[in-house]
Amino acid sequence: MNTKDVIKDFIQTEIVKHALDKPLDDTDQLVESGIVDSLGIMSLLSFLEERFSIQIPSEDLNPENFESVSTIVALVDRQQTH
């Protein structure tokens, strides 16, 4: 599985405990639409750091980096290249 698929799978199976109306799209607004709440973000953060062996610095813990699957993938990619 690639990074995007791993993140989507985690969100759909571990954070969203109910079926979504439609498949999760890369650009769906996760927080704004209520798919992910603040506790979900914390769970996602822990998962990302463990799964991808990265440390996300506090300056990257802003809502813009967790808006969508695409922005989360970009965040992980940036941390993996450091």
N, C-alpha and C. Protein backbone atom coordinates (compact mmCIF):
# COMPACT_ATOMS: atom_id res chain seq x y z
N MET A 1 0.84 -1.19 0.00
CA MET A 1 0.00 0.00 0.00
C MET A 1 0.88 1.25 0.00
N ASN A 2 0.47 2.24 -0.76
CA ASN A 2 1.21 3.50 -0.75
C ASN A 2 0.76 4.37 0.42
N THR A 3 1.44 5.47 0.64
CA THR A 3 1.16 6.34 1.78
C THR A 3 -0.30 6.78 1.81
N LYS A 4 -0.80 7.22 0.68
CA LYS A 4 -2.19 7.69 0.61
C LYS A 4 -3.18 6.60 1.02
N ASP A 5 -2.98 5.39 0.50
CA ASP A 5 -3.89 4.29 0.81
C ASP A 5 -3.82 3.90 2.28
N VAL A 6 -2.63 3.92 2.86
CA VAL A 6 -2.47 3.60 4.28
C VAL A 6 -3.22 4.62 5.14
N ILE A 7 -3.08 5.89 4.81
CA ILE A 7 -3.75 6.95 5.57
C ILE A 7 -5.26 6.85 5.41
N LYS A 8 -5.74 6.66 4.19
CA LYS A 8 -7.19 6.52 3.95
C LYS A 8 -7.75 5.34 4.73
N ASP A 9 -7.05 4.22 4.67
CA ASP A 9 -7.51 3.01 5.36
C ASP A 9 -7.60 3.26 6.87
N PHE A 10 -6.59 3.92 7.44
CA PHE A 10 -6.62 4.20 8.87
C PHE A 10 -7.80 5.10 9.23
N ILE A 11 -8.01 6.14 8.47
CA ILE A 11 -9.12 7.06 8.74
C ILE A 11 -10.45 6.32 8.66
N GLN A 12 -10.62 5.51 7.63
CA GLN A 12 -11.89 4.82 7.43
C GLN A 12 -12.14 3.71 8.43
N THR A 13 -11.09 3.03 8.89
CA THR A 13 -11.30 1.90 9.79
C THR A 13 -11.13 2.22 11.26
N GLU A 14 -10.28 3.19 11.58
CA GLU A 14 -9.99 3.47 12.98
C GLU A 14 -10.61 4.77 13.51
N ILE A 15 -10.81 5.74 12.66
CA ILE A 15 -11.34 7.03 13.12
C ILE A 15 -12.83 7.14 12.84
N VAL A 16 -13.23 6.81 11.63
CA VAL A 16 -14.64 6.85 11.26
C VAL A 16 -15.23 5.49 11.59
N LYS A 17 -16.01 5.44 12.63
CA LYS A 17 -16.55 4.15 13.08
C LYS A 17 -17.84 3.77 12.38
N HIS A 18 -18.36 4.65 11.53
CA HIS A 18 -19.58 4.37 10.79
C HIS A 18 -19.28 4.46 9.30
N ALA A 19 -20.16 3.90 8.49
CA ALA A 19 -19.97 3.96 7.04
C ALA A 19 -20.16 5.39 6.54
N LEU A 20 -19.30 5.80 5.66
CA LEU A 20 -19.44 7.12 5.04
C LEU A 20 -20.47 7.04 3.92
N ASP A 21 -21.07 8.17 3.60
CA ASP A 21 -22.06 8.21 2.53
C ASP A 21 -21.46 7.86 1.18
N LYS A 22 -20.18 8.15 1.04
CA LYS A 22 -19.46 7.87 -0.21
C LYS A 22 -18.02 7.54 0.16
N PRO A 23 -17.28 6.93 -0.75
CA PRO A 23 -15.87 6.66 -0.46
C PRO A 23 -15.11 7.94 -0.13
N LEU A 24 -14.16 7.84 0.75
CA LEU A 24 -13.35 8.98 1.14
C LEU A 24 -12.51 9.44 -0.03
N ASP A 25 -12.65 10.71 -0.40
CA ASP A 25 -11.90 11.28 -1.50
C ASP A 25 -10.64 11.97 -0.97
N ASP A 26 -9.63 12.08 -1.79
CA ASP A 26 -8.35 12.70 -1.38
C ASP A 26 -8.51 14.15 -0.94
N THR A 27 -9.54 14.83 -1.45
CA THR A 27 -9.71 16.25 -1.15
C THR A 27 -10.87 16.55 -0.21
N ASP A 28 -11.52 15.52 0.31
CA ASP A 28 -12.61 15.75 1.27
C ASP A 28 -12.07 16.53 2.47
N GLN A 29 -12.82 17.53 2.90
CA GLN A 29 -12.45 18.34 4.06
C GLN A 29 -12.76 17.53 5.33
N LEU A 30 -11.75 16.93 5.92
CA LEU A 30 -11.94 15.98 7.01
C LEU A 30 -12.51 16.61 8.27
N VAL A 31 -11.94 17.70 8.74
CA VAL A 31 -12.40 18.32 9.98
C VAL A 31 -13.66 19.14 9.72
N GLU A 32 -13.62 19.95 8.68
CA GLU A 32 -14.74 20.83 8.36
C GLU A 32 -16.03 20.06 8.14
N SER A 33 -15.94 18.89 7.54
CA SER A 33 -17.13 18.09 7.26
C SER A 33 -17.53 17.20 8.43
N GLY A 34 -16.68 17.15 9.47
CA GLY A 34 -17.00 16.33 10.63
C GLY A 34 -16.55 14.89 10.52
N ILE A 35 -15.82 14.55 9.47
CA ILE A 35 -15.33 13.17 9.33
C ILE A 35 -14.33 12.86 10.44
N VAL A 36 -13.48 13.84 10.76
CA VAL A 36 -12.46 13.68 11.80
C VAL A 36 -12.61 14.81 12.81
N ASP A 37 -12.61 14.45 14.10
CA ASP A 37 -12.68 15.48 15.15
C ASP A 37 -11.30 15.63 15.80
N SER A 38 -11.23 16.43 16.85
CA SER A 38 -9.92 16.69 17.47
C SER A 38 -9.29 15.43 18.05
N LEU A 39 -10.09 14.55 18.61
CA LEU A 39 -9.54 13.28 19.11
C LEU A 39 -9.04 12.42 17.97
N GLY A 40 -9.75 12.48 16.85
CA GLY A 40 -9.32 11.75 15.67
C GLY A 40 -7.99 12.26 15.15
N ILE A 41 -7.80 13.57 15.20
CA ILE A 41 -6.53 14.16 14.77
C ILE A 41 -5.39 13.65 15.65
N MET A 42 -5.62 13.58 16.95
CA MET A 42 -4.58 13.09 17.86
C MET A 42 -4.26 11.62 17.58
N SER A 43 -5.28 10.83 17.33
CA SER A 43 -5.09 9.43 16.99
C SER A 43 -4.33 9.30 15.67
N LEU A 44 -4.72 10.11 14.70
CA LEU A 44 -4.06 10.11 13.40
C LEU A 44 -2.60 10.52 13.53
N LEU A 45 -2.33 11.53 14.32
CA LEU A 45 -0.97 12.00 14.54
C LEU A 45 -0.09 10.87 15.11
N SER A 46 -0.58 10.21 16.13
CA SER A 46 0.17 9.09 16.73
C SER A 46 0.42 7.99 15.71
N PHE A 47 -0.61 7.67 14.93
CA PHE A 47 -0.49 6.65 13.90
C PHE A 47 0.57 7.03 12.86
N LEU A 48 0.51 8.26 12.37
CA LEU A 48 1.45 8.70 11.35
C LEU A 48 2.90 8.62 11.84
N GLU A 49 3.13 9.08 13.06
CA GLU A 49 4.49 9.07 13.60
C GLU A 49 5.01 7.64 13.77
N GLU A 50 4.14 6.75 14.23
CA GLU A 50 4.57 5.36 14.43
C GLU A 50 4.71 4.62 13.11
N ARG A 51 3.71 4.72 12.26
CA ARG A 51 3.68 3.94 11.01
C ARG A 51 4.77 4.36 10.04
N PHE A 52 5.03 5.67 9.96
CA PHE A 52 5.99 6.17 8.99
C PHE A 52 7.34 6.55 9.62
N SER A 53 7.51 6.25 10.90
CA SER A 53 8.77 6.53 11.62
C SER A 53 9.21 7.98 11.43
N ILE A 54 8.28 8.89 11.71
CA ILE A 54 8.57 10.31 11.59
C ILE A 54 8.20 11.00 12.89
N GLN A 55 8.71 12.19 13.06
CA GLN A 55 8.34 13.04 14.19
C GLN A 55 7.81 14.33 13.59
N ILE A 56 6.55 14.62 13.82
CA ILE A 56 5.94 15.83 13.28
C ILE A 56 6.16 16.95 14.28
N PRO A 57 6.92 17.99 13.87
CA PRO A 57 7.21 19.08 14.80
C PRO A 57 5.97 19.92 15.10
N SER A 58 6.00 20.57 16.25
CA SER A 58 4.84 21.33 16.70
C SER A 58 4.43 22.41 15.70
N GLU A 59 5.38 22.98 14.97
CA GLU A 59 5.00 24.03 14.01
C GLU A 59 4.20 23.48 12.83
N ASP A 60 4.21 22.16 12.64
CA ASP A 60 3.40 21.55 11.58
C ASP A 60 2.06 21.03 12.09
N LEU A 61 1.79 21.22 13.37
CA LEU A 61 0.52 20.77 13.94
C LEU A 61 -0.53 21.88 13.81
N ASN A 62 -0.86 22.18 12.58
CA ASN A 62 -1.88 23.20 12.33
C ASN A 62 -2.98 22.60 11.47
N PRO A 63 -4.16 23.17 11.52
CA PRO A 63 -5.31 22.59 10.82
C PRO A 63 -5.10 22.41 9.31
N GLU A 64 -4.33 23.29 8.70
CA GLU A 64 -4.12 23.19 7.26
C GLU A 64 -3.46 21.88 6.85
N ASN A 65 -2.61 21.34 7.71
CA ASN A 65 -1.92 20.08 7.39
C ASN A 65 -2.80 18.85 7.55
N PHE A 66 -3.98 19.02 8.14
CA PHE A 66 -4.88 17.90 8.37
C PHE A 66 -6.24 18.11 7.70
N GLU A 67 -6.30 19.02 6.72
CA GLU A 67 -7.56 19.32 6.05
C GLU A 67 -8.11 18.15 5.24
N SER A 68 -7.23 17.43 4.57
CA SER A 68 -7.66 16.36 3.67
C SER A 68 -6.60 15.27 3.62
N VAL A 69 -6.94 14.17 2.99
CA VAL A 69 -5.95 13.10 2.82
C VAL A 69 -4.75 13.65 2.06
N SER A 70 -4.99 14.46 1.05
CA SER A 70 -3.88 15.02 0.24
C SER A 70 -2.93 15.86 1.09
N THR A 71 -3.46 16.69 1.97
CA THR A 71 -2.58 17.53 2.80
C THR A 71 -1.83 16.69 3.83
N ILE A 72 -2.45 15.63 4.31
CA ILE A 72 -1.78 14.75 5.26
C ILE A 72 -0.64 13.99 4.57
N VAL A 73 -0.89 13.51 3.35
CA VAL A 73 0.16 12.83 2.58
C VAL A 73 1.33 13.78 2.34
N ALA A 74 1.04 15.02 1.99
CA ALA A 74 2.10 16.01 1.77
C ALA A 74 2.92 16.23 3.05
N LEU A 75 2.24 16.28 4.19
CA LEU A 75 2.93 16.44 5.47
C LEU A 75 3.86 15.26 5.74
N VAL A 76 3.36 14.06 5.55
CA VAL A 76 4.19 12.87 5.76
C VAL A 76 5.38 12.86 4.80
N ASP A 77 5.13 13.18 3.54
CA ASP A 77 6.22 13.21 2.56
C ASP A 77 7.29 14.21 2.95
N ARG A 78 6.89 15.38 3.42
CA ARG A 78 7.87 16.40 3.85
C ARG A 78 8.71 15.90 5.02
N GLN A 79 8.08 15.23 5.97
CA GLN A 79 8.80 14.74 7.14
C GLN A 79 9.73 13.58 6.78
N GLN A 80 9.36 12.79 5.82
CA GLN A 80 10.20 11.66 5.41
C GLN A 80 11.45 12.11 4.65
N THR A 81 11.40 13.30 4.07
CA THR A 81 12.56 13.78 3.32
C THR A 81 13.53 14.55 4.21
N HIS A 82 13.16 14.79 5.48
CA HIS A 82 14.06 15.51 6.40
C HIS A 82 15.02 14.56 7.05
